[in-house]
Amino acid sequence: MKCPYCGSPENKVVDKRGTSDEIATRRRRECLACEKRFTTYERIESVELLVIKKDGSRQQFDRNKIKHGIVRACEKRPISADQINRVVDEIESELRTKETTEISSAEIGEIVMNKLRDMDKIAYIRFASVYREFTDLKSFEKELKNLLSKRGGEHHG
């Protein structure tokens, strides 16, 4: 395992633990050359998941695409990298427990939105605005009202 900072292959494991869902082993490593720390994950190679896109094409599931979308939605929000990784792990775990190995991108988007709704309302709205392709203020307002009604009618403003 090469250090992401200096490229040295020499490192040591300083902490090892399972993830909350037990699908991966998380290792904190320290580079013996530059002494910086980084995290690696070890996962069982499992059955490939295929994502069915809107146009009907299929592509291999890539957890990094989900992570990228969540990271963008969470920019400048009080959400840690560990929280984001945990949510991505939960989403992948949920997808892998389904009875099929082919999942629609729409279903994945809904799962991501549900996780973000519970984690951070602003990140949820940001993700939803891209995912649902809000084309005007009306569709945005409708989603915002929907979000507020699911919070028990709380109104902040």
N, C-alpha and C. Protein backbone atom coordinates (compact mmCIF):
# COMPACT_ATOMS: atom_id res chain seq x y z
N MET A 1 0.85 -1.17 0.00
CA MET A 1 0.00 0.00 0.00
C MET A 1 0.90 1.24 0.00
N LYS A 2 0.82 2.03 -1.06
CA LYS A 2 1.65 3.23 -1.15
C LYS A 2 1.03 4.38 -0.37
N CYS A 3 1.89 5.18 0.23
CA CYS A 3 1.45 6.38 0.94
C CYS A 3 0.86 7.36 -0.08
N PRO A 4 -0.35 7.89 0.18
CA PRO A 4 -0.95 8.85 -0.76
C PRO A 4 -0.24 10.20 -0.77
N TYR A 5 0.61 10.45 0.22
CA TYR A 5 1.30 11.74 0.31
C TYR A 5 2.66 11.72 -0.37
N CYS A 6 3.47 10.67 -0.08
CA CYS A 6 4.83 10.66 -0.62
C CYS A 6 5.11 9.47 -1.54
N GLY A 7 4.19 8.51 -1.61
CA GLY A 7 4.35 7.37 -2.52
C GLY A 7 5.18 6.22 -1.98
N SER A 8 5.65 6.35 -0.76
CA SER A 8 6.47 5.28 -0.18
C SER A 8 5.61 4.04 0.10
N PRO A 9 6.14 2.84 -0.21
CA PRO A 9 5.38 1.62 0.09
C PRO A 9 5.55 1.17 1.54
N GLU A 10 6.41 1.85 2.29
CA GLU A 10 6.70 1.46 3.67
C GLU A 10 5.76 2.16 4.65
N ASN A 11 4.91 1.38 5.34
CA ASN A 11 4.01 1.94 6.33
C ASN A 11 3.69 0.89 7.36
N LYS A 12 3.07 1.34 8.45
CA LYS A 12 2.65 0.40 9.50
C LYS A 12 1.21 0.70 9.88
N VAL A 13 0.51 -0.34 10.34
CA VAL A 13 -0.87 -0.20 10.79
C VAL A 13 -0.82 0.24 12.25
N VAL A 14 -1.49 1.37 12.54
CA VAL A 14 -1.51 1.87 13.91
C VAL A 14 -2.85 1.63 14.61
N ASP A 15 -3.89 1.33 13.83
CA ASP A 15 -5.20 1.02 14.41
C ASP A 15 -5.99 0.21 13.39
N LYS A 16 -6.73 -0.78 13.86
CA LYS A 16 -7.54 -1.62 12.97
C LYS A 16 -8.87 -1.87 13.64
N ARG A 17 -9.95 -1.67 12.89
CA ARG A 17 -11.28 -1.96 13.44
C ARG A 17 -12.25 -2.21 12.30
N GLY A 18 -13.32 -2.90 12.61
CA GLY A 18 -14.37 -3.15 11.62
C GLY A 18 -15.24 -1.92 11.48
N THR A 19 -15.92 -1.82 10.34
CA THR A 19 -16.89 -0.74 10.18
C THR A 19 -18.16 -1.12 10.91
N SER A 20 -19.04 -0.16 11.12
CA SER A 20 -20.25 -0.40 11.91
C SER A 20 -21.12 -1.51 11.33
N ASP A 21 -21.09 -1.69 10.02
CA ASP A 21 -21.93 -2.72 9.40
C ASP A 21 -21.17 -4.02 9.17
N GLU A 22 -19.91 -4.06 9.62
CA GLU A 22 -19.10 -5.28 9.54
C GLU A 22 -18.80 -5.74 8.11
N ILE A 23 -18.89 -4.84 7.12
CA ILE A 23 -18.58 -5.26 5.74
C ILE A 23 -17.17 -4.89 5.33
N ALA A 24 -16.46 -4.20 6.20
CA ALA A 24 -15.10 -3.80 5.86
C ALA A 24 -14.25 -3.69 7.11
N THR A 25 -12.95 -3.76 6.92
CA THR A 25 -11.99 -3.51 7.99
C THR A 25 -11.31 -2.18 7.68
N ARG A 26 -11.33 -1.29 8.66
CA ARG A 26 -10.73 0.02 8.52
C ARG A 26 -9.36 -0.02 9.19
N ARG A 27 -8.36 0.43 8.46
CA ARG A 27 -7.01 0.45 9.01
C ARG A 27 -6.44 1.86 8.93
N ARG A 28 -5.94 2.37 10.07
CA ARG A 28 -5.20 3.63 10.10
C ARG A 28 -3.74 3.25 9.93
N ARG A 29 -3.10 3.85 8.96
CA ARG A 29 -1.71 3.53 8.68
C ARG A 29 -0.85 4.78 8.86
N GLU A 30 0.41 4.54 9.20
CA GLU A 30 1.37 5.64 9.29
C GLU A 30 2.53 5.34 8.35
N CYS A 31 2.83 6.29 7.49
CA CYS A 31 3.95 6.15 6.55
C CYS A 31 5.26 6.21 7.33
N LEU A 32 6.12 5.26 7.06
CA LEU A 32 7.41 5.23 7.75
C LEU A 32 8.39 6.26 7.17
N ALA A 33 8.10 6.75 5.97
CA ALA A 33 8.97 7.75 5.34
C ALA A 33 8.61 9.17 5.77
N CYS A 34 7.34 9.57 5.57
CA CYS A 34 6.95 10.96 5.86
C CYS A 34 6.17 11.11 7.17
N GLU A 35 5.80 9.99 7.79
CA GLU A 35 5.11 9.93 9.08
C GLU A 35 3.67 10.47 9.05
N LYS A 36 3.12 10.70 7.86
CA LYS A 36 1.71 11.11 7.77
C LYS A 36 0.84 9.87 7.91
N ARG A 37 -0.40 10.08 8.34
CA ARG A 37 -1.33 8.98 8.52
C ARG A 37 -2.40 8.99 7.44
N PHE A 38 -2.87 7.80 7.09
CA PHE A 38 -3.96 7.67 6.12
C PHE A 38 -4.78 6.44 6.46
N THR A 39 -5.96 6.36 5.89
CA THR A 39 -6.89 5.26 6.18
C THR A 39 -7.08 4.40 4.96
N THR A 40 -7.12 3.09 5.17
CA THR A 40 -7.44 2.15 4.09
C THR A 40 -8.60 1.28 4.55
N TYR A 41 -9.34 0.75 3.60
CA TYR A 41 -10.44 -0.15 3.88
C TYR A 41 -10.24 -1.45 3.13
N GLU A 42 -10.49 -2.54 3.79
CA GLU A 42 -10.42 -3.85 3.15
C GLU A 42 -11.84 -4.40 3.12
N ARG A 43 -12.29 -4.78 1.92
CA ARG A 43 -13.64 -5.32 1.74
C ARG A 43 -13.56 -6.65 1.02
N ILE A 44 -14.53 -7.48 1.27
CA ILE A 44 -14.64 -8.73 0.53
C ILE A 44 -15.05 -8.40 -0.89
N GLU A 45 -14.38 -8.98 -1.85
CA GLU A 45 -14.76 -8.79 -3.24
C GLU A 45 -16.07 -9.54 -3.43
N SER A 46 -17.08 -8.84 -3.78
CA SER A 46 -18.39 -9.47 -3.86
C SER A 46 -18.95 -9.39 -5.26
N VAL A 47 -20.14 -9.89 -5.39
CA VAL A 47 -20.82 -9.90 -6.67
C VAL A 47 -20.94 -8.48 -7.19
N GLU A 48 -20.66 -8.33 -8.47
CA GLU A 48 -20.73 -7.00 -9.08
C GLU A 48 -22.18 -6.52 -9.16
N LEU A 49 -22.37 -5.29 -8.77
CA LEU A 49 -23.68 -4.66 -8.92
C LEU A 49 -23.68 -3.86 -10.21
N LEU A 50 -24.80 -3.93 -10.92
CA LEU A 50 -24.96 -3.13 -12.13
C LEU A 50 -26.01 -2.06 -11.89
N VAL A 51 -25.71 -0.86 -12.34
CA VAL A 51 -26.63 0.25 -12.22
C VAL A 51 -27.32 0.44 -13.57
N ILE A 52 -28.65 0.46 -13.53
CA ILE A 52 -29.43 0.71 -14.74
C ILE A 52 -29.70 2.21 -14.82
N LYS A 53 -29.11 2.84 -15.82
CA LYS A 53 -29.21 4.28 -15.98
C LYS A 53 -30.58 4.66 -16.56
N LYS A 54 -30.90 5.95 -16.55
CA LYS A 54 -32.18 6.44 -17.08
C LYS A 54 -32.42 6.01 -18.53
N ASP A 55 -31.33 5.95 -19.32
CA ASP A 55 -31.48 5.60 -20.74
C ASP A 55 -31.52 4.09 -20.98
N GLY A 56 -31.50 3.30 -19.88
CA GLY A 56 -31.57 1.85 -20.01
C GLY A 56 -30.20 1.17 -20.08
N SER A 57 -29.14 1.94 -20.25
CA SER A 57 -27.80 1.34 -20.29
C SER A 57 -27.41 0.89 -18.89
N ARG A 58 -26.45 -0.01 -18.84
CA ARG A 58 -25.99 -0.53 -17.56
C ARG A 58 -24.51 -0.22 -17.39
N GLN A 59 -24.14 0.09 -16.16
CA GLN A 59 -22.73 0.27 -15.86
C GLN A 59 -22.45 -0.28 -14.47
N GLN A 60 -21.20 -0.63 -14.26
CA GLN A 60 -20.79 -1.20 -13.00
C GLN A 60 -20.98 -0.19 -11.87
N PHE A 61 -21.47 -0.67 -10.74
CA PHE A 61 -21.66 0.17 -9.56
C PHE A 61 -20.31 0.74 -9.12
N ASP A 62 -20.31 2.03 -8.79
CA ASP A 62 -19.09 2.68 -8.33
C ASP A 62 -19.43 3.51 -7.10
N ARG A 63 -19.03 3.02 -5.93
CA ARG A 63 -19.35 3.71 -4.68
C ARG A 63 -18.75 5.12 -4.65
N ASN A 64 -17.68 5.35 -5.41
CA ASN A 64 -17.07 6.67 -5.43
C ASN A 64 -17.98 7.72 -6.06
N LYS A 65 -18.85 7.30 -6.98
CA LYS A 65 -19.80 8.26 -7.57
C LYS A 65 -20.80 8.72 -6.52
N ILE A 66 -21.26 7.78 -5.69
CA ILE A 66 -22.18 8.14 -4.60
C ILE A 66 -21.47 9.07 -3.63
N LYS A 67 -20.25 8.69 -3.27
CA LYS A 67 -19.49 9.50 -2.31
C LYS A 67 -19.26 10.91 -2.85
N HIS A 68 -18.90 11.02 -4.13
CA HIS A 68 -18.67 12.32 -4.75
C HIS A 68 -19.93 13.19 -4.66
N GLY A 69 -21.08 12.62 -4.98
CA GLY A 69 -22.34 13.37 -4.92
C GLY A 69 -22.66 13.83 -3.51
N ILE A 70 -22.41 12.97 -2.53
CA ILE A 70 -22.68 13.32 -1.14
C ILE A 70 -21.69 14.39 -0.66
N VAL A 71 -20.42 14.24 -1.01
CA VAL A 71 -19.41 15.24 -0.62
C VAL A 71 -19.80 16.61 -1.17
N ARG A 72 -20.21 16.66 -2.43
CA ARG A 72 -20.61 17.96 -3.03
C ARG A 72 -21.81 18.55 -2.32
N ALA A 73 -22.79 17.69 -1.96
CA ALA A 73 -23.98 18.19 -1.28
C ALA A 73 -23.64 18.68 0.13
N CYS A 74 -22.61 18.13 0.73
CA CYS A 74 -22.24 18.45 2.12
C CYS A 74 -21.18 19.55 2.23
N GLU A 75 -20.78 20.14 1.11
CA GLU A 75 -19.76 21.19 1.17
C GLU A 75 -20.19 22.30 2.11
N LYS A 76 -19.25 22.72 2.96
CA LYS A 76 -19.45 23.81 3.91
C LYS A 76 -20.55 23.51 4.93
N ARG A 77 -20.83 22.23 5.15
CA ARG A 77 -21.78 21.80 6.17
C ARG A 77 -20.98 21.13 7.30
N PRO A 78 -21.51 21.09 8.51
CA PRO A 78 -20.77 20.49 9.64
C PRO A 78 -20.83 18.96 9.63
N ILE A 79 -20.32 18.38 8.56
CA ILE A 79 -20.38 16.93 8.39
C ILE A 79 -18.96 16.42 8.15
N SER A 80 -18.56 15.46 8.96
CA SER A 80 -17.18 14.95 8.87
C SER A 80 -17.03 13.93 7.75
N ALA A 81 -15.79 13.72 7.36
CA ALA A 81 -15.48 12.70 6.35
C ALA A 81 -15.91 11.32 6.85
N ASP A 82 -15.75 11.08 8.17
CA ASP A 82 -16.18 9.79 8.73
C ASP A 82 -17.69 9.60 8.60
N GLN A 83 -18.46 10.67 8.82
CA GLN A 83 -19.92 10.58 8.66
C GLN A 83 -20.27 10.25 7.21
N ILE A 84 -19.59 10.90 6.28
CA ILE A 84 -19.86 10.65 4.87
C ILE A 84 -19.49 9.21 4.52
N ASN A 85 -18.33 8.75 4.96
CA ASN A 85 -17.92 7.36 4.68
C ASN A 85 -18.91 6.36 5.27
N ARG A 86 -19.40 6.65 6.47
CA ARG A 86 -20.36 5.77 7.13
C ARG A 86 -21.65 5.68 6.30
N VAL A 87 -22.12 6.82 5.81
CA VAL A 87 -23.35 6.84 5.00
C VAL A 87 -23.14 6.08 3.69
N VAL A 88 -21.99 6.28 3.05
CA VAL A 88 -21.70 5.57 1.80
C VAL A 88 -21.65 4.06 2.07
N ASP A 89 -21.03 3.66 3.20
CA ASP A 89 -20.99 2.24 3.58
C ASP A 89 -22.41 1.70 3.77
N GLU A 90 -23.26 2.47 4.45
CA GLU A 90 -24.65 2.05 4.69
C GLU A 90 -25.39 1.88 3.37
N ILE A 91 -25.21 2.81 2.46
CA ILE A 91 -25.89 2.75 1.17
C ILE A 91 -25.42 1.52 0.39
N GLU A 92 -24.11 1.31 0.33
CA GLU A 92 -23.60 0.15 -0.40
C GLU A 92 -24.10 -1.15 0.23
N SER A 93 -24.09 -1.21 1.54
CA SER A 93 -24.57 -2.40 2.25
C SER A 93 -26.04 -2.66 1.92
N GLU A 94 -26.83 -1.60 1.93
CA GLU A 94 -28.26 -1.73 1.60
C GLU A 94 -28.45 -2.25 0.17
N LEU A 95 -27.65 -1.75 -0.76
CA LEU A 95 -27.76 -2.19 -2.16
C LEU A 95 -27.34 -3.65 -2.31
N ARG A 96 -26.32 -4.06 -1.57
CA ARG A 96 -25.82 -5.43 -1.69
C ARG A 96 -26.73 -6.45 -1.02
N THR A 97 -27.63 -6.01 -0.15
CA THR A 97 -28.55 -6.96 0.48
C THR A 97 -29.83 -7.14 -0.33
N LYS A 98 -29.96 -6.41 -1.41
CA LYS A 98 -31.14 -6.57 -2.26
C LYS A 98 -31.07 -7.92 -2.99
N GLU A 99 -32.19 -8.40 -3.43
CA GLU A 99 -32.25 -9.71 -4.07
C GLU A 99 -31.74 -9.71 -5.50
N THR A 100 -31.55 -8.53 -6.05
CA THR A 100 -31.08 -8.43 -7.42
C THR A 100 -29.70 -7.77 -7.47
N THR A 101 -28.97 -8.04 -8.52
CA THR A 101 -27.66 -7.39 -8.69
C THR A 101 -27.76 -6.22 -9.66
N GLU A 102 -28.98 -5.93 -10.13
CA GLU A 102 -29.21 -4.78 -11.00
C GLU A 102 -30.15 -3.81 -10.31
N ILE A 103 -29.65 -2.58 -10.12
CA ILE A 103 -30.41 -1.58 -9.39
C ILE A 103 -30.50 -0.32 -10.24
N SER A 104 -31.67 0.28 -10.27
CA SER A 104 -31.83 1.49 -11.08
C SER A 104 -31.16 2.68 -10.40
N SER A 105 -30.66 3.58 -11.21
CA SER A 105 -30.04 4.80 -10.67
C SER A 105 -31.08 5.60 -9.88
N ALA A 106 -32.34 5.50 -10.27
CA ALA A 106 -33.41 6.21 -9.55
C ALA A 106 -33.54 5.67 -8.12
N GLU A 107 -33.46 4.35 -7.97
CA GLU A 107 -33.56 3.75 -6.65
C GLU A 107 -32.37 4.16 -5.78
N ILE A 108 -31.19 4.19 -6.37
CA ILE A 108 -30.00 4.61 -5.63
C ILE A 108 -30.15 6.06 -5.19
N GLY A 109 -30.63 6.90 -6.09
CA GLY A 109 -30.83 8.32 -5.76
C GLY A 109 -31.79 8.50 -4.61
N GLU A 110 -32.86 7.72 -4.58
CA GLU A 110 -33.83 7.82 -3.48
C GLU A 110 -33.21 7.39 -2.15
N ILE A 111 -32.39 6.34 -2.18
CA ILE A 111 -31.71 5.88 -0.96
C ILE A 111 -30.77 6.98 -0.45
N VAL A 112 -30.00 7.57 -1.36
CA VAL A 112 -29.08 8.65 -0.98
C VAL A 112 -29.86 9.81 -0.37
N MET A 113 -30.97 10.19 -1.00
CA MET A 113 -31.76 11.31 -0.47
C MET A 113 -32.32 11.00 0.91
N ASN A 114 -32.77 9.77 1.14
CA ASN A 114 -33.29 9.40 2.45
C ASN A 114 -32.20 9.51 3.52
N LYS A 115 -31.00 9.07 3.19
CA LYS A 115 -29.88 9.16 4.15
C LYS A 115 -29.53 10.63 4.42
N LEU A 116 -29.48 11.44 3.37
CA LEU A 116 -29.15 12.86 3.54
C LEU A 116 -30.24 13.60 4.31
N ARG A 117 -31.49 13.24 4.08
CA ARG A 117 -32.60 13.89 4.78
C ARG A 117 -32.43 13.70 6.28
N ASP A 118 -32.00 12.51 6.69
CA ASP A 118 -31.79 12.23 8.11
C ASP A 118 -30.54 12.91 8.65
N MET A 119 -29.54 13.11 7.80
CA MET A 119 -28.25 13.61 8.25
C MET A 119 -28.18 15.15 8.28
N ASP A 120 -28.64 15.80 7.20
CA ASP A 120 -28.50 17.24 7.09
C ASP A 120 -29.49 17.76 6.04
N LYS A 121 -30.42 18.61 6.48
CA LYS A 121 -31.49 19.08 5.58
C LYS A 121 -30.95 19.90 4.40
N ILE A 122 -29.93 20.71 4.65
CA ILE A 122 -29.36 21.53 3.57
C ILE A 122 -28.70 20.63 2.52
N ALA A 123 -27.92 19.65 2.99
CA ALA A 123 -27.26 18.72 2.06
C ALA A 123 -28.32 17.96 1.27
N TYR A 124 -29.41 17.60 1.94
CA TYR A 124 -30.51 16.91 1.25
C TYR A 124 -31.08 17.76 0.12
N ILE A 125 -31.37 19.01 0.41
CA ILE A 125 -31.95 19.90 -0.61
C ILE A 125 -30.97 20.10 -1.76
N ARG A 126 -29.68 20.25 -1.44
CA ARG A 126 -28.68 20.40 -2.50
C ARG A 126 -28.65 19.17 -3.41
N PHE A 127 -28.62 18.00 -2.80
CA PHE A 127 -28.57 16.77 -3.59
C PHE A 127 -29.86 16.62 -4.40
N ALA A 128 -30.99 16.86 -3.75
CA ALA A 128 -32.29 16.72 -4.42
C ALA A 128 -32.41 17.69 -5.60
N SER A 129 -31.85 18.90 -5.45
CA SER A 129 -31.98 19.87 -6.54
C SER A 129 -31.23 19.41 -7.79
N VAL A 130 -30.12 18.70 -7.61
CA VAL A 130 -29.39 18.16 -8.75
C VAL A 130 -30.05 16.87 -9.24
N TYR A 131 -30.34 15.98 -8.29
CA TYR A 131 -30.89 14.67 -8.64
C TYR A 131 -32.26 14.78 -9.31
N ARG A 132 -33.13 15.60 -8.73
CA ARG A 132 -34.48 15.74 -9.25
C ARG A 132 -34.55 16.75 -10.38
N GLU A 133 -33.42 17.38 -10.69
CA GLU A 133 -33.32 18.33 -11.79
C GLU A 133 -34.39 19.42 -11.71
N PHE A 134 -34.44 20.11 -10.58
CA PHE A 134 -35.38 21.21 -10.44
C PHE A 134 -35.15 22.19 -11.58
N THR A 135 -36.19 22.45 -12.32
CA THR A 135 -36.05 23.34 -13.47
C THR A 135 -36.61 24.73 -13.19
N ASP A 136 -37.35 24.85 -12.09
CA ASP A 136 -37.89 26.16 -11.76
C ASP A 136 -38.09 26.26 -10.25
N LEU A 137 -38.43 27.44 -9.80
CA LEU A 137 -38.60 27.70 -8.38
C LEU A 137 -39.77 26.90 -7.80
N LYS A 138 -40.81 26.68 -8.59
CA LYS A 138 -41.98 25.95 -8.11
C LYS A 138 -41.63 24.53 -7.66
N SER A 139 -40.84 23.81 -8.47
CA SER A 139 -40.49 22.44 -8.10
C SER A 139 -39.59 22.44 -6.87
N PHE A 140 -38.74 23.45 -6.74
CA PHE A 140 -37.89 23.57 -5.56
C PHE A 140 -38.74 23.84 -4.32
N GLU A 141 -39.68 24.78 -4.44
CA GLU A 141 -40.57 25.11 -3.31
C GLU A 141 -41.38 23.89 -2.88
N LYS A 142 -41.84 23.11 -3.85
CA LYS A 142 -42.62 21.92 -3.55
C LYS A 142 -41.80 20.93 -2.71
N GLU A 143 -40.55 20.72 -3.10
CA GLU A 143 -39.68 19.80 -2.37
C GLU A 143 -39.38 20.34 -0.97
N LEU A 144 -39.19 21.64 -0.85
CA LEU A 144 -38.92 22.26 0.45
C LEU A 144 -40.14 22.12 1.36
N LYS A 145 -41.33 22.36 0.84
CA LYS A 145 -42.55 22.19 1.63
C LYS A 145 -42.71 20.74 2.06
N ASN A 146 -42.41 19.82 1.16
CA ASN A 146 -42.47 18.39 1.47
C ASN A 146 -41.52 18.06 2.62
N LEU A 147 -40.31 18.60 2.56
CA LEU A 147 -39.32 18.37 3.61
C LEU A 147 -39.81 18.92 4.94
N LEU A 148 -40.34 20.13 4.93
CA LEU A 148 -40.82 20.74 6.17
C LEU A 148 -42.01 19.98 6.74
N SER A 149 -42.90 19.47 5.90
CA SER A 149 -44.05 18.73 6.41
C SER A 149 -43.64 17.41 7.04
N LYS A 150 -42.55 16.81 6.56
CA LYS A 150 -42.06 15.55 7.14
C LYS A 150 -41.37 15.78 8.48
N ARG A 151 -41.08 17.04 8.81
CA ARG A 151 -40.45 17.34 10.10
C ARG A 151 -41.52 17.68 11.13
N GLY A 152 -42.77 17.36 10.85
CA GLY A 152 -43.82 17.61 11.81
C GLY A 152 -44.34 19.04 11.77
N GLY A 153 -44.19 19.67 10.63
CA GLY A 153 -44.73 21.00 10.46
C GLY A 153 -43.91 22.09 11.11
N GLU A 154 -42.72 21.77 11.60
CA GLU A 154 -41.86 22.81 12.16
C GLU A 154 -41.64 23.88 11.10
N HIS A 155 -41.57 25.09 11.55
CA HIS A 155 -41.29 26.17 10.58
C HIS A 155 -40.23 27.07 11.17
N HIS A 156 -39.12 27.15 10.47
CA HIS A 156 -38.04 28.04 10.89
C HIS A 156 -37.95 29.16 9.88
N GLY A 157 -37.95 30.35 10.34
CA GLY A 157 -37.83 31.41 9.34
C GLY A 157 -38.00 32.71 9.85
